[in-house]
All heavy atoms as atom14 arrays in JSON, in Angstrom:
{
  "sequence": "RYFMTAQEAARLVLEAAAIGSSGELLILDMGEPIKIL",
  "atom14_mask": [
    [1, 1, 1, 1, 1, 1, 1, 1, 1, 1, 1, 0, 0, 0],
    [1, 1, 1, 1, 1, 1, 1, 1, 1, 1, 1, 1, 0, 0],
    [1, 1, 1, 1, 1, 1, 1, 1, 1, 1, 1, 0, 0, 0],
    [1, 1, 1, 1, 1, 1, 1, 1, 0, 0, 0, 0, 0, 0],
    [1, 1, 1, 1, 1, 1, 1, 0, 0, 0, 0, 0, 0, 0],
    [1, 1, 1, 1, 1, 0, 0, 0, 0, 0, 0, 0, 0, 0],
    [1, 1, 1, 1, 1, 1, 1, 1, 1, 0, 0, 0, 0, 0],
    [1, 1, 1, 1, 1, 1, 1, 1, 1, 0, 0, 0, 0, 0],
    [1, 1, 1, 1, 1, 0, 0, 0, 0, 0, 0, 0, 0, 0],
    [1, 1, 1, 1, 1, 0, 0, 0, 0, 0, 0, 0, 0, 0],
    [1, 1, 1, 1, 1, 1, 1, 1, 1, 1, 1, 0, 0, 0],
    [1, 1, 1, 1, 1, 1, 1, 1, 0, 0, 0, 0, 0, 0],
    [1, 1, 1, 1, 1, 1, 1, 0, 0, 0, 0, 0, 0, 0],
    [1, 1, 1, 1, 1, 1, 1, 1, 0, 0, 0, 0, 0, 0],
    [1, 1, 1, 1, 1, 1, 1, 1, 1, 0, 0, 0, 0, 0],
    [1, 1, 1, 1, 1, 0, 0, 0, 0, 0, 0, 0, 0, 0],
    [1, 1, 1, 1, 1, 0, 0, 0, 0, 0, 0, 0, 0, 0],
    [1, 1, 1, 1, 1, 0, 0, 0, 0, 0, 0, 0, 0, 0],
    [1, 1, 1, 1, 1, 1, 1, 1, 0, 0, 0, 0, 0, 0],
    [1, 1, 1, 1, 0, 0, 0, 0, 0, 0, 0, 0, 0, 0],
    [1, 1, 1, 1, 1, 1, 0, 0, 0, 0, 0, 0, 0, 0],
    [1, 1, 1, 1, 1, 1, 0, 0, 0, 0, 0, 0, 0, 0],
    [1, 1, 1, 1, 0, 0, 0, 0, 0, 0, 0, 0, 0, 0],
    [1, 1, 1, 1, 1, 1, 1, 1, 1, 0, 0, 0, 0, 0],
    [1, 1, 1, 1, 1, 1, 1, 1, 0, 0, 0, 0, 0, 0],
    [1, 1, 1, 1, 1, 1, 1, 1, 0, 0, 0, 0, 0, 0],
    [1, 1, 1, 1, 1, 1, 1, 1, 0, 0, 0, 0, 0, 0],
    [1, 1, 1, 1, 1, 1, 1, 1, 0, 0, 0, 0, 0, 0],
    [1, 1, 1, 1, 1, 1, 1, 1, 0, 0, 0, 0, 0, 0],
    [1, 1, 1, 1, 1, 1, 1, 1, 0, 0, 0, 0, 0, 0],
    [1, 1, 1, 1, 0, 0, 0, 0, 0, 0, 0, 0, 0, 0],
    [1, 1, 1, 1, 1, 1, 1, 1, 1, 0, 0, 0, 0, 0],
    [1, 1, 1, 1, 1, 1, 1, 0, 0, 0, 0, 0, 0, 0],
    [1, 1, 1, 1, 1, 1, 1, 1, 0, 0, 0, 0, 0, 0],
    [1, 1, 1, 1, 1, 1, 1, 1, 1, 0, 0, 0, 0, 0],
    [1, 1, 1, 1, 1, 1, 1, 1, 0, 0, 0, 0, 0, 0],
    [1, 1, 1, 1, 1, 1, 1, 1, 0, 0, 0, 0, 0, 0]
  ],
  "atom14_positions": [
    [[66.65, 40.38, 121.73], [66.75, 39.5, 120.52], [65.7, 39.85, 119.55], [64.71, 40.37, 119.87], [66.8, 37.98, 121.0], [67.94, 37.67, 121.74], [69.22, 37.53, 121.05], [70.37, 37.06, 121.75], [71.33, 37.9, 122.41], [71.08, 39.15, 122.34], [72.25, 37.23, 122.97], [0.0, 0.0, 0.0], [0.0, 0.0, 0.0], [0.0, 0.0, 0.0]],
    [[66.05, 39.55, 118.31], [65.05, 39.51, 117.27], [64.37, 38.34, 117.07], [64.98, 37.27, 117.29], [65.84, 39.88, 115.87], [66.39, 41.33, 115.87], [67.72, 41.55, 116.2], [65.61, 42.36, 115.48], [68.32, 42.81, 116.14], [66.16, 43.63, 115.44], [67.49, 43.82, 115.84], [68.1, 45.03, 115.72], [0.0, 0.0, 0.0], [0.0, 0.0, 0.0]],
    [[63.15, 38.27, 116.69], [62.32, 37.05, 116.47], [61.47, 37.13, 115.26], [60.98, 38.26, 114.85], [61.37, 36.85, 117.64], [61.99, 36.48, 118.94], [62.38, 37.51, 119.93], [62.34, 35.22, 119.25], [62.94, 37.17, 121.0], [63.04, 34.89, 120.37], [63.28, 35.97, 121.26], [0.0, 0.0, 0.0], [0.0, 0.0, 0.0], [0.0, 0.0, 0.0]],
    [[61.3, 35.98, 114.65], [60.31, 35.98, 113.43], [59.69, 34.51, 113.52], [60.38, 33.63, 114.05], [60.95, 36.23, 112.16], [62.0, 35.35, 111.66], [62.71, 35.64, 110.05], [62.39, 37.36, 109.66], [0.0, 0.0, 0.0], [0.0, 0.0, 0.0], [0.0, 0.0, 0.0], [0.0, 0.0, 0.0], [0.0, 0.0, 0.0], [0.0, 0.0, 0.0]],
    [[58.61, 34.36, 112.75], [57.99, 33.08, 112.75], [58.82, 32.23, 111.64], [59.48, 32.71, 110.85], [56.55, 33.19, 112.21], [56.49, 33.65, 110.85], [55.64, 33.94, 113.19], [0.0, 0.0, 0.0], [0.0, 0.0, 0.0], [0.0, 0.0, 0.0], [0.0, 0.0, 0.0], [0.0, 0.0, 0.0], [0.0, 0.0, 0.0], [0.0, 0.0, 0.0]],
    [[58.64, 30.84, 111.78], [59.28, 29.99, 110.84], [58.75, 30.29, 109.44], [59.58, 30.15, 108.5], [59.05, 28.51, 111.26], [0.0, 0.0, 0.0], [0.0, 0.0, 0.0], [0.0, 0.0, 0.0], [0.0, 0.0, 0.0], [0.0, 0.0, 0.0], [0.0, 0.0, 0.0], [0.0, 0.0, 0.0], [0.0, 0.0, 0.0], [0.0, 0.0, 0.0]],
    [[57.49, 30.5, 109.24], [56.99, 30.69, 107.92], [57.56, 31.98, 107.34], [58.04, 32.02, 106.14], [55.49, 30.93, 107.92], [54.78, 29.6, 108.29], [54.68, 29.42, 109.88], [55.13, 30.26, 110.63], [54.07, 28.36, 110.15], [0.0, 0.0, 0.0], [0.0, 0.0, 0.0], [0.0, 0.0, 0.0], [0.0, 0.0, 0.0], [0.0, 0.0, 0.0]],
    [[57.68, 33.09, 108.08], [58.38, 34.28, 107.59], [59.78, 34.21, 107.29], [60.33, 34.6, 106.28], [58.09, 35.53, 108.53], [58.61, 36.78, 108.09], [58.44, 37.98, 108.98], [58.29, 37.7, 110.26], [58.46, 39.11, 108.49], [0.0, 0.0, 0.0], [0.0, 0.0, 0.0], [0.0, 0.0, 0.0], [0.0, 0.0, 0.0], [0.0, 0.0, 0.0]],
    [[60.54, 33.43, 108.17], [61.96, 33.24, 107.94], [62.13, 32.33, 106.68], [62.93, 32.79, 105.8], [62.54, 32.51, 109.16], [0.0, 0.0, 0.0], [0.0, 0.0, 0.0], [0.0, 0.0, 0.0], [0.0, 0.0, 0.0], [0.0, 0.0, 0.0], [0.0, 0.0, 0.0], [0.0, 0.0, 0.0], [0.0, 0.0, 0.0], [0.0, 0.0, 0.0]],
    [[61.39, 31.36, 106.44], [61.55, 30.52, 105.33], [61.18, 31.25, 103.98], [62.04, 31.19, 103.11], [60.55, 29.23, 105.41], [0.0, 0.0, 0.0], [0.0, 0.0, 0.0], [0.0, 0.0, 0.0], [0.0, 0.0, 0.0], [0.0, 0.0, 0.0], [0.0, 0.0, 0.0], [0.0, 0.0, 0.0], [0.0, 0.0, 0.0], [0.0, 0.0, 0.0]],
    [[60.17, 32.09, 104.05], [59.81, 32.82, 102.87], [60.97, 33.87, 102.53], [61.42, 33.9, 101.41], [58.45, 33.63, 103.01], [57.93, 34.39, 101.82], [56.66, 35.0, 102.11], [56.57, 35.77, 103.34], [57.16, 37.05, 103.55], [57.75, 37.6, 102.58], [56.92, 37.65, 104.74], [0.0, 0.0, 0.0], [0.0, 0.0, 0.0], [0.0, 0.0, 0.0]],
    [[61.38, 34.55, 103.54], [62.46, 35.63, 103.36], [63.84, 34.99, 102.83], [64.56, 35.61, 102.06], [62.6, 36.49, 104.55], [61.47, 37.46, 104.71], [61.66, 38.2, 106.08], [61.4, 38.51, 103.64], [0.0, 0.0, 0.0], [0.0, 0.0, 0.0], [0.0, 0.0, 0.0], [0.0, 0.0, 0.0], [0.0, 0.0, 0.0], [0.0, 0.0, 0.0]],
    [[64.14, 33.79, 103.46], [65.38, 33.24, 103.06], [65.32, 32.82, 101.59], [66.19, 32.97, 100.81], [65.67, 32.03, 103.99], [66.88, 31.16, 103.44], [66.14, 32.59, 105.45], [0.0, 0.0, 0.0], [0.0, 0.0, 0.0], [0.0, 0.0, 0.0], [0.0, 0.0, 0.0], [0.0, 0.0, 0.0], [0.0, 0.0, 0.0], [0.0, 0.0, 0.0]],
    [[64.15, 32.27, 101.17], [64.13, 31.83, 99.74], [64.08, 33.03, 98.86], [64.72, 33.05, 97.8], [62.72, 31.01, 99.57], [62.81, 29.68, 100.15], [61.32, 28.98, 100.08], [63.83, 28.8, 99.48], [0.0, 0.0, 0.0], [0.0, 0.0, 0.0], [0.0, 0.0, 0.0], [0.0, 0.0, 0.0], [0.0, 0.0, 0.0], [0.0, 0.0, 0.0]],
    [[63.47, 34.16, 99.23], [63.54, 35.43, 98.33], [64.96, 35.95, 98.46], [65.31, 36.49, 97.38], [62.49, 36.36, 98.92], [61.12, 35.96, 98.75], [60.08, 36.92, 99.16], [60.31, 38.11, 99.05], [59.04, 36.51, 99.76], [0.0, 0.0, 0.0], [0.0, 0.0, 0.0], [0.0, 0.0, 0.0], [0.0, 0.0, 0.0], [0.0, 0.0, 0.0]],
    [[65.67, 35.92, 99.47], [66.94, 36.33, 99.57], [67.9, 35.64, 98.77], [68.64, 36.17, 97.88], [67.52, 36.29, 101.02], [0.0, 0.0, 0.0], [0.0, 0.0, 0.0], [0.0, 0.0, 0.0], [0.0, 0.0, 0.0], [0.0, 0.0, 0.0], [0.0, 0.0, 0.0], [0.0, 0.0, 0.0], [0.0, 0.0, 0.0], [0.0, 0.0, 0.0]],
    [[67.74, 34.28, 98.63], [68.45, 33.32, 97.83], [68.28, 33.7, 96.23], [69.07, 33.63, 95.46], [68.15, 31.92, 98.04], [0.0, 0.0, 0.0], [0.0, 0.0, 0.0], [0.0, 0.0, 0.0], [0.0, 0.0, 0.0], [0.0, 0.0, 0.0], [0.0, 0.0, 0.0], [0.0, 0.0, 0.0], [0.0, 0.0, 0.0], [0.0, 0.0, 0.0]],
    [[66.94, 34.09, 96.03], [66.62, 34.41, 94.56], [67.28, 35.74, 94.11], [67.69, 35.85, 93.0], [65.18, 34.35, 94.43], [0.0, 0.0, 0.0], [0.0, 0.0, 0.0], [0.0, 0.0, 0.0], [0.0, 0.0, 0.0], [0.0, 0.0, 0.0], [0.0, 0.0, 0.0], [0.0, 0.0, 0.0], [0.0, 0.0, 0.0], [0.0, 0.0, 0.0]],
    [[67.36, 36.67, 95.07], [67.84, 38.07, 94.64], [69.35, 38.24, 94.89], [69.85, 39.17, 94.41], [67.07, 39.2, 95.19], [67.17, 39.17, 96.8], [65.49, 39.07, 94.83], [66.63, 40.44, 97.47], [0.0, 0.0, 0.0], [0.0, 0.0, 0.0], [0.0, 0.0, 0.0], [0.0, 0.0, 0.0], [0.0, 0.0, 0.0], [0.0, 0.0, 0.0]],
    [[69.92, 37.4, 95.69], [71.27, 37.55, 96.14], [72.4, 37.08, 95.1], [72.05, 36.34, 94.14], [0.0, 0.0, 0.0], [0.0, 0.0, 0.0], [0.0, 0.0, 0.0], [0.0, 0.0, 0.0], [0.0, 0.0, 0.0], [0.0, 0.0, 0.0], [0.0, 0.0, 0.0], [0.0, 0.0, 0.0], [0.0, 0.0, 0.0], [0.0, 0.0, 0.0]],
    [[73.46, 37.7, 95.1], [74.58, 37.36, 94.24], [75.81, 36.79, 95.17], [75.87, 37.05, 96.25], [74.97, 38.54, 93.42], [75.48, 39.59, 94.24], [0.0, 0.0, 0.0], [0.0, 0.0, 0.0], [0.0, 0.0, 0.0], [0.0, 0.0, 0.0], [0.0, 0.0, 0.0], [0.0, 0.0, 0.0], [0.0, 0.0, 0.0], [0.0, 0.0, 0.0]],
    [[76.71, 36.1, 94.43], [77.75, 35.43, 95.09], [78.49, 36.45, 95.91], [78.81, 37.61, 95.4], [78.67, 34.87, 94.05], [79.41, 33.86, 94.69], [0.0, 0.0, 0.0], [0.0, 0.0, 0.0], [0.0, 0.0, 0.0], [0.0, 0.0, 0.0], [0.0, 0.0, 0.0], [0.0, 0.0, 0.0], [0.0, 0.0, 0.0], [0.0, 0.0, 0.0]],
    [[78.92, 36.15, 97.12], [79.76, 36.96, 98.01], [78.97, 37.91, 98.84], [79.62, 38.59, 99.58], [0.0, 0.0, 0.0], [0.0, 0.0, 0.0], [0.0, 0.0, 0.0], [0.0, 0.0, 0.0], [0.0, 0.0, 0.0], [0.0, 0.0, 0.0], [0.0, 0.0, 0.0], [0.0, 0.0, 0.0], [0.0, 0.0, 0.0], [0.0, 0.0, 0.0]],
    [[77.66, 38.0, 98.58], [76.86, 38.91, 99.34], [76.37, 38.29, 100.65], [76.24, 37.17, 100.89], [75.55, 39.09, 98.52], [75.27, 40.52, 98.14], [74.16, 40.72, 97.38], [73.55, 39.8, 96.68], [73.62, 41.81, 97.31], [0.0, 0.0, 0.0], [0.0, 0.0, 0.0], [0.0, 0.0, 0.0], [0.0, 0.0, 0.0], [0.0, 0.0, 0.0]],
    [[76.19, 39.29, 101.62], [75.58, 39.01, 103.01], [74.24, 39.75, 102.91], [74.17, 40.91, 102.74], [76.36, 39.53, 104.15], [75.74, 39.49, 105.46], [75.41, 38.11, 105.94], [76.69, 40.22, 106.46], [0.0, 0.0, 0.0], [0.0, 0.0, 0.0], [0.0, 0.0, 0.0], [0.0, 0.0, 0.0], [0.0, 0.0, 0.0], [0.0, 0.0, 0.0]],
    [[73.22, 38.94, 102.95], [71.81, 39.52, 102.95], [71.26, 39.46, 104.38], [71.4, 38.39, 105.12], [70.87, 38.7, 102.13], [71.32, 38.69, 100.57], [70.6, 37.65, 99.77], [71.16, 40.27, 100.04], [0.0, 0.0, 0.0], [0.0, 0.0, 0.0], [0.0, 0.0, 0.0], [0.0, 0.0, 0.0], [0.0, 0.0, 0.0], [0.0, 0.0, 0.0]],
    [[70.81, 40.58, 104.78], [70.26, 40.8, 106.22], [68.85, 41.02, 106.1], [68.3, 41.92, 105.5], [71.05, 41.93, 106.8], [72.51, 41.7, 106.85], [70.53, 42.1, 108.35], [73.32, 42.83, 107.24], [0.0, 0.0, 0.0], [0.0, 0.0, 0.0], [0.0, 0.0, 0.0], [0.0, 0.0, 0.0], [0.0, 0.0, 0.0], [0.0, 0.0, 0.0]],
    [[68.03, 40.14, 106.89], [66.65, 40.33, 107.04], [66.18, 41.49, 107.95], [66.78, 41.48, 109.06], [66.01, 38.97, 107.38], [66.29, 37.81, 106.46], [65.53, 36.55, 106.9], [66.12, 38.11, 104.96], [0.0, 0.0, 0.0], [0.0, 0.0, 0.0], [0.0, 0.0, 0.0], [0.0, 0.0, 0.0], [0.0, 0.0, 0.0], [0.0, 0.0, 0.0]],
    [[65.18, 42.28, 107.61], [64.73, 43.24, 108.54], [63.69, 42.55, 109.43], [62.7, 41.96, 108.96], [63.97, 44.28, 107.68], [63.31, 45.32, 108.6], [63.33, 45.2, 109.91], [62.63, 46.35, 108.08], [0.0, 0.0, 0.0], [0.0, 0.0, 0.0], [0.0, 0.0, 0.0], [0.0, 0.0, 0.0], [0.0, 0.0, 0.0], [0.0, 0.0, 0.0]],
    [[64.06, 42.42, 110.67], [63.17, 41.68, 111.54], [62.45, 42.55, 112.51], [61.9, 42.25, 113.61], [64.08, 40.71, 112.42], [64.79, 39.66, 111.58], [65.45, 38.43, 112.44], [64.01, 37.69, 113.24], [0.0, 0.0, 0.0], [0.0, 0.0, 0.0], [0.0, 0.0, 0.0], [0.0, 0.0, 0.0], [0.0, 0.0, 0.0], [0.0, 0.0, 0.0]],
    [[62.39, 43.86, 112.25], [61.59, 44.79, 113.11], [62.43, 45.21, 114.18], [63.7, 45.18, 114.2], [0.0, 0.0, 0.0], [0.0, 0.0, 0.0], [0.0, 0.0, 0.0], [0.0, 0.0, 0.0], [0.0, 0.0, 0.0], [0.0, 0.0, 0.0], [0.0, 0.0, 0.0], [0.0, 0.0, 0.0], [0.0, 0.0, 0.0], [0.0, 0.0, 0.0]],
    [[61.74, 45.45, 115.38], [62.49, 45.89, 116.53], [62.76, 44.75, 117.46], [62.07, 43.77, 117.49], [61.45, 46.83, 117.35], [61.09, 48.12, 116.61], [62.34, 48.98, 116.34], [63.2, 49.17, 117.41], [62.52, 49.51, 115.31], [0.0, 0.0, 0.0], [0.0, 0.0, 0.0], [0.0, 0.0, 0.0], [0.0, 0.0, 0.0], [0.0, 0.0, 0.0]],
    [[63.94, 44.79, 118.04], [64.26, 43.75, 119.04], [63.35, 43.61, 120.15], [62.73, 44.67, 120.58], [65.71, 44.13, 119.43], [65.79, 45.51, 119.22], [64.84, 45.85, 118.11], [0.0, 0.0, 0.0], [0.0, 0.0, 0.0], [0.0, 0.0, 0.0], [0.0, 0.0, 0.0], [0.0, 0.0, 0.0], [0.0, 0.0, 0.0], [0.0, 0.0, 0.0]],
    [[63.18, 42.53, 120.78], [62.32, 42.17, 121.85], [63.14, 41.94, 123.16], [64.11, 41.29, 123.12], [61.39, 41.09, 121.51], [60.46, 41.44, 120.42], [60.66, 40.59, 122.78], [59.59, 40.35, 119.99], [0.0, 0.0, 0.0], [0.0, 0.0, 0.0], [0.0, 0.0, 0.0], [0.0, 0.0, 0.0], [0.0, 0.0, 0.0], [0.0, 0.0, 0.0]],
    [[62.79, 42.69, 124.13], [63.38, 42.38, 125.48], [63.07, 41.06, 125.9], [61.76, 40.73, 126.08], [62.9, 43.47, 126.35], [63.83, 43.72, 127.59], [63.42, 44.95, 128.35], [64.07, 45.12, 129.61], [63.71, 46.35, 130.28], [0.0, 0.0, 0.0], [0.0, 0.0, 0.0], [0.0, 0.0, 0.0], [0.0, 0.0, 0.0], [0.0, 0.0, 0.0]],
    [[63.9, 40.24, 126.23], [63.77, 38.77, 126.68], [62.94, 38.72, 127.93], [62.06, 37.87, 128.19], [65.09, 38.11, 126.76], [65.77, 37.9, 125.41], [64.83, 36.72, 127.41], [65.11, 37.11, 124.41], [0.0, 0.0, 0.0], [0.0, 0.0, 0.0], [0.0, 0.0, 0.0], [0.0, 0.0, 0.0], [0.0, 0.0, 0.0], [0.0, 0.0, 0.0]],
    [[63.24, 39.74, 128.9], [62.43, 39.74, 130.14], [61.06, 39.98, 129.96], [60.21, 39.44, 130.51], [63.04, 40.83, 130.98], [62.33, 40.96, 132.38], [62.41, 39.58, 133.13], [63.04, 42.01, 133.31], [0.0, 0.0, 0.0], [0.0, 0.0, 0.0], [0.0, 0.0, 0.0], [0.0, 0.0, 0.0], [0.0, 0.0, 0.0], [0.0, 0.0, 0.0]]
  ]
}
């Protein structure tokens, strides 16, 4: 699974909302997935 901190998620979601346009899907780069085990 991918993980990020709450602060990073909030910041990137706000930035995505600022640059996105209607009908867009914005995908955040979360780095490499982490093995749950």
